[in-house]
Amino acid sequence: MFLFSRNISNERKKDLQVFQKRAGIRFKNLSLLDCAFKHKSSVKKHNDSNERLEFLGDSVLGLIVASIIFKQFQNYSEGDLARLKAAIVSEDSLAAIALDLHISEYLLLGKGEEMSGGKAKKAILADALEAIIGALYLDSGFKSVEAFVGRIIRKQLQLVVEHRRYEDFKSRLQEVAQRRFKELPKYTVEKTDGPDHDLTFWVSLYIAGKTFGPCVGKSKKDAEQEAAGLACKHFNI
């Protein structure tokens, strides 16, 4: 049996109750949920952080997402399912879900990490979400966490499928461009905007005398993928 018991202040308990209401979940052991928000920079002992819960949550999340898309996309090949799953459990997708759940408001960080904008870092947000999933699995079992995950990924799953984010347009375009046009695509960052921890990128793509974009993304890679997607559509690739 997984034993987990720590003293939590009344103020912290109130905060965690608000989070549970927002997230539509209920913990029997609040210490588990509290630990899920503890970044390694906020604790003295390594095992007091959320990293072990994150490890567990990553596996639980992967299984649930695989099961959902296996049932929902019956015409997809194994390769398509693998790419779709990777896009849904990616750092970008999980961070977006974490923001929707206001996870940043409950994170516990060390002073240095917090001063450097840690509460807005995608990796920290994504890790905390996985830790919450691991904590809920330990606290309430598989059915409860399965319902929670199914609910919170619905929006991201729709976005990934609608925008075909699981497809690697850059690789596809490069392979065909070399053969068809005897040249490689050229990507140019037209501009960036926003603070360092939350930049937005505008990227244009040049290939075969044509320009695609600029396309916008929260990372250079995302913007490049969007531009490559436009080119693939134009050239029927």
Protein backbone atom coordinates (compact mmCIF):
# COMPACT_ATOMS: atom_id res chain seq x y z
CA MET A 1 0.00 0.00 0.00
CA PHE A 2 1.23 3.48 -0.85
CA LEU A 3 1.49 5.50 2.36
CA PHE A 4 1.51 9.24 2.07
CA SER A 5 0.72 11.61 4.93
CA ARG A 6 1.92 15.14 5.53
CA ASN A 7 0.67 18.08 7.52
CA ILE A 8 -1.01 20.68 5.34
CA SER A 9 -1.99 24.14 6.54
CA ASN A 10 -5.65 25.10 6.56
CA GLU A 11 -4.94 27.80 3.97
CA ARG A 12 -3.29 25.29 1.66
CA LYS A 13 -6.20 22.89 2.15
CA LYS A 14 -8.59 25.61 1.01
CA ASP A 15 -6.48 26.22 -2.09
CA LEU A 16 -6.44 22.52 -2.92
CA GLN A 17 -10.20 22.32 -2.47
CA VAL A 18 -10.62 25.13 -5.00
CA PHE A 19 -8.39 23.28 -7.46
CA GLN A 20 -10.34 20.05 -7.02
CA LYS A 21 -13.60 21.85 -7.70
CA ARG A 22 -12.16 23.41 -10.86
CA ALA A 23 -10.73 20.10 -12.03
CA GLY A 24 -13.81 18.05 -11.17
CA ILE A 25 -11.93 15.60 -8.95
CA ARG A 26 -11.92 14.73 -5.27
CA PHE A 27 -8.97 13.35 -3.30
CA LYS A 28 -9.31 11.26 -0.18
CA ASN A 29 -5.66 11.98 0.69
CA LEU A 30 -4.89 15.66 0.11
CA SER A 31 -1.21 15.05 0.83
CA LEU A 32 -0.95 13.23 -2.49
CA LEU A 33 -2.42 16.17 -4.38
CA ASP A 34 -0.25 18.64 -2.47
CA CYS A 35 2.88 16.68 -3.39
CA ALA A 36 1.90 16.75 -7.07
CA PHE A 37 2.41 20.52 -7.05
CA LYS A 38 5.86 20.43 -5.41
CA HIS A 39 8.65 21.18 -7.85
CA LYS A 40 12.06 19.80 -6.90
CA SER A 41 13.30 23.35 -6.27
CA SER A 42 10.84 23.75 -3.38
CA VAL A 43 11.95 20.76 -1.26
CA LYS A 44 15.07 19.70 0.61
CA LYS A 45 14.70 15.96 0.05
CA HIS A 46 14.56 14.82 -3.56
CA ASN A 47 11.80 12.27 -2.93
CA ASP A 48 9.56 14.95 -1.41
CA SER A 49 9.08 16.53 -4.84
CA ASN A 50 6.51 15.57 -7.47
CA GLU A 51 9.01 13.71 -9.67
CA ARG A 52 8.04 10.18 -8.57
CA LEU A 53 4.35 10.97 -9.07
CA GLU A 54 5.21 12.43 -12.48
CA PHE A 55 6.96 9.18 -13.44
CA LEU A 56 3.85 7.20 -12.54
CA GLY A 57 1.46 9.68 -14.13
CA ASP A 58 3.35 9.62 -17.41
CA SER A 59 2.73 5.88 -17.76
CA VAL A 60 -0.90 6.07 -16.64
CA LEU A 61 -1.56 8.95 -19.05
CA GLY A 62 0.05 7.11 -21.94
CA LEU A 63 -2.09 4.03 -21.39
CA ILE A 64 -5.33 6.00 -21.14
CA VAL A 65 -4.63 8.14 -24.20
CA ALA A 66 -3.63 5.06 -26.20
CA SER A 67 -6.89 3.36 -25.23
CA ILE A 68 -9.00 6.42 -26.12
CA ILE A 69 -7.53 6.96 -29.57
CA PHE A 70 -7.43 3.21 -30.32
CA LYS A 71 -11.21 3.08 -29.83
CA GLN A 72 -12.00 6.44 -31.45
CA PHE A 73 -9.85 6.25 -34.59
CA GLN A 74 -10.46 2.76 -35.88
CA ASN A 75 -9.19 3.52 -39.41
CA TYR A 76 -5.80 4.80 -38.22
CA SER A 77 -2.72 2.68 -38.74
CA GLU A 78 -0.31 1.87 -35.91
CA GLY A 79 1.98 4.65 -37.13
CA ASP A 80 -0.83 7.20 -37.21
CA LEU A 81 -1.92 6.22 -33.70
CA ALA A 82 1.64 6.51 -32.41
CA ARG A 83 2.08 10.00 -33.88
CA LEU A 84 -1.34 11.11 -32.61
CA LYS A 85 -0.59 9.85 -29.11
CA ALA A 86 2.80 11.59 -29.12
CA ALA A 87 1.16 14.90 -30.07
CA ILE A 88 -1.48 14.64 -27.34
CA VAL A 89 0.99 13.79 -24.55
CA SER A 90 3.59 16.27 -25.80
CA GLU A 91 4.90 19.00 -23.51
CA ASP A 92 3.03 21.65 -25.49
CA SER A 93 -0.34 19.87 -25.22
CA LEU A 94 0.05 19.03 -21.54
CA ALA A 95 1.15 22.57 -20.71
CA ALA A 96 -1.94 23.93 -22.49
CA ILE A 97 -4.16 21.61 -20.45
CA ALA A 98 -2.35 22.65 -17.27
CA LEU A 99 -3.05 26.31 -18.04
CA ASP A 100 -6.74 25.53 -18.56
CA LEU A 101 -6.77 23.91 -15.10
CA HIS A 102 -4.93 26.92 -13.54
CA ILE A 103 -2.24 24.58 -12.24
CA SER A 104 0.30 27.41 -12.11
CA GLU A 105 -1.66 29.02 -9.26
CA TYR A 106 -0.98 26.05 -6.98
CA LEU A 107 2.61 25.21 -7.88
CA LEU A 108 5.20 25.28 -5.11
CA LEU A 109 8.58 26.43 -6.41
CA GLY A 110 11.86 27.53 -4.90
CA LYS A 111 12.50 31.28 -4.91
CA GLY A 112 15.05 31.09 -7.71
CA GLU A 113 12.78 29.04 -9.96
CA GLU A 114 9.82 31.27 -9.27
CA MET A 115 11.82 34.43 -9.97
CA SER A 116 12.90 32.99 -13.33
CA GLY A 117 9.28 32.53 -14.44
CA GLY A 118 8.97 28.88 -13.46
CA LYS A 119 5.20 28.99 -13.16
CA ALA A 120 4.98 29.73 -16.88
CA LYS A 121 7.51 27.12 -18.03
CA LYS A 122 5.90 24.45 -20.17
CA ALA A 123 8.05 21.65 -18.79
CA ILE A 124 7.12 22.43 -15.18
CA LEU A 125 3.42 22.73 -16.01
CA ALA A 126 3.38 19.50 -18.01
CA ASP A 127 5.28 17.63 -15.28
CA ALA A 128 2.85 18.86 -12.62
CA LEU A 129 -0.13 17.66 -14.65
CA GLU A 130 1.42 14.21 -15.00
CA ALA A 131 2.10 14.20 -11.25
CA ILE A 132 -1.56 15.01 -10.54
CA ILE A 133 -2.59 12.12 -12.78
CA GLY A 134 -0.23 9.81 -10.88
CA ALA A 135 -1.53 11.07 -7.55
CA LEU A 136 -5.16 10.59 -8.57
CA TYR A 137 -4.40 7.06 -9.73
CA LEU A 138 -2.92 6.21 -6.32
CA ASP A 139 -5.71 7.95 -4.45
CA SER A 140 -8.82 6.87 -6.34
CA GLY A 141 -7.89 4.11 -8.78
CA PHE A 142 -7.87 3.64 -12.52
CA LYS A 143 -11.52 4.37 -13.32
CA SER A 144 -11.43 7.77 -11.65
CA VAL A 145 -8.23 8.85 -13.36
CA GLU A 146 -9.45 7.48 -16.69
CA ALA A 147 -12.56 9.68 -16.47
CA PHE A 148 -10.44 12.69 -15.51
CA VAL A 149 -7.95 12.23 -18.35
CA GLY A 150 -10.71 11.61 -20.89
CA ARG A 151 -12.32 14.88 -19.88
CA ILE A 152 -9.23 17.09 -19.84
CA ILE A 153 -7.70 15.89 -23.12
CA ARG A 154 -10.90 16.30 -25.15
CA LYS A 155 -10.06 19.85 -26.27
CA GLN A 156 -6.43 19.10 -27.15
CA LEU A 157 -7.39 15.92 -29.00
CA GLN A 158 -9.81 17.90 -31.14
CA LEU A 159 -7.20 20.58 -31.87
CA VAL A 160 -4.51 18.03 -32.74
CA VAL A 161 -6.79 16.18 -35.15
CA GLU A 162 -8.28 19.32 -36.74
CA HIS A 163 -4.85 20.85 -37.39
CA ARG A 164 -3.20 17.49 -38.12
CA ARG A 165 -0.49 18.31 -35.59
CA TYR A 166 0.42 14.65 -35.29
CA GLU A 167 1.70 14.63 -38.85
CA ASP A 168 5.35 15.48 -39.48
CA PHE A 169 4.88 17.84 -42.40
CA LYS A 170 8.50 19.04 -42.28
CA SER A 171 9.93 15.57 -42.85
CA ARG A 172 7.41 14.77 -45.55
CA LEU A 173 8.05 18.05 -47.39
CA GLN A 174 11.83 17.68 -47.20
CA GLU A 175 11.74 14.16 -48.59
CA VAL A 176 9.53 15.10 -51.55
CA ALA A 177 11.21 18.46 -52.19
CA GLN A 178 14.62 16.85 -52.64
CA ARG A 179 13.21 14.46 -55.19
CA ARG A 180 10.79 16.77 -56.99
CA PHE A 181 12.47 20.20 -56.80
CA LYS A 182 16.11 19.26 -56.19
CA GLU A 183 16.24 21.70 -53.29
CA LEU A 184 15.52 21.83 -49.56
CA PRO A 185 12.85 23.98 -47.88
CA LYS A 186 14.16 27.16 -46.28
CA TYR A 187 12.58 28.38 -43.04
CA THR A 188 12.99 31.98 -41.90
CA VAL A 189 11.90 33.45 -38.56
CA GLU A 190 10.25 36.72 -39.54
CA LYS A 191 9.79 37.96 -35.99
CA THR A 192 9.22 36.95 -32.38
CA ASP A 193 7.06 38.53 -29.73
CA GLY A 194 6.51 38.16 -25.99
CA PRO A 195 8.68 37.52 -22.91
CA ASP A 196 11.50 34.96 -23.13
CA HIS A 197 9.51 32.29 -21.29
CA ASP A 198 6.46 32.74 -23.53
CA LEU A 199 7.65 33.68 -27.02
CA THR A 200 5.49 33.60 -30.14
CA PHE A 201 7.20 32.88 -33.47
CA TRP A 202 6.34 33.96 -37.02
CA VAL A 203 8.00 31.71 -39.62
CA SER A 204 7.93 31.76 -43.42
CA LEU A 205 8.85 28.88 -45.72
CA TYR A 206 10.46 29.25 -49.14
CA ILE A 207 10.44 26.37 -51.62
CA ALA A 208 10.25 26.05 -55.44
CA GLY A 209 9.90 29.81 -55.92
CA LYS A 210 6.93 30.05 -53.57
CA THR A 211 6.49 31.50 -50.09
CA PHE A 212 4.23 30.01 -47.40
CA GLY A 213 3.40 31.98 -44.27
CA PRO A 214 4.32 33.61 -42.12
CA CYS A 215 2.77 31.06 -39.81
CA VAL A 216 2.45 31.57 -36.07
CA GLY A 217 3.41 29.15 -33.31
CA LYS A 218 4.33 29.12 -29.63
CA SER A 219 7.60 27.52 -30.66
CA LYS A 220 9.76 27.80 -33.77
CA LYS A 221 9.10 24.12 -34.49
CA ASP A 222 5.32 24.57 -34.32
CA ALA A 223 5.42 27.54 -36.69
CA GLU A 224 7.64 25.62 -39.11
CA GLN A 225 5.24 22.67 -39.04
CA GLU A 226 2.31 24.96 -39.86
CA ALA A 227 4.19 26.45 -42.81
CA ALA A 228 5.26 23.01 -44.03
CA GLY A 229 1.64 21.89 -43.77
CA LEU A 230 0.57 24.71 -46.08
CA ALA A 231 3.27 23.73 -48.57
CA CYS A 232 2.27 20.05 -48.46
CA LYS A 233 -1.33 21.00 -49.13
CA HIS A 234 -0.35 23.29 -52.03
CA PHE A 235 1.87 20.68 -53.70
CA ASN A 236 -0.50 17.79 -52.92
CA ILE A 237 2.18 16.00 -50.93
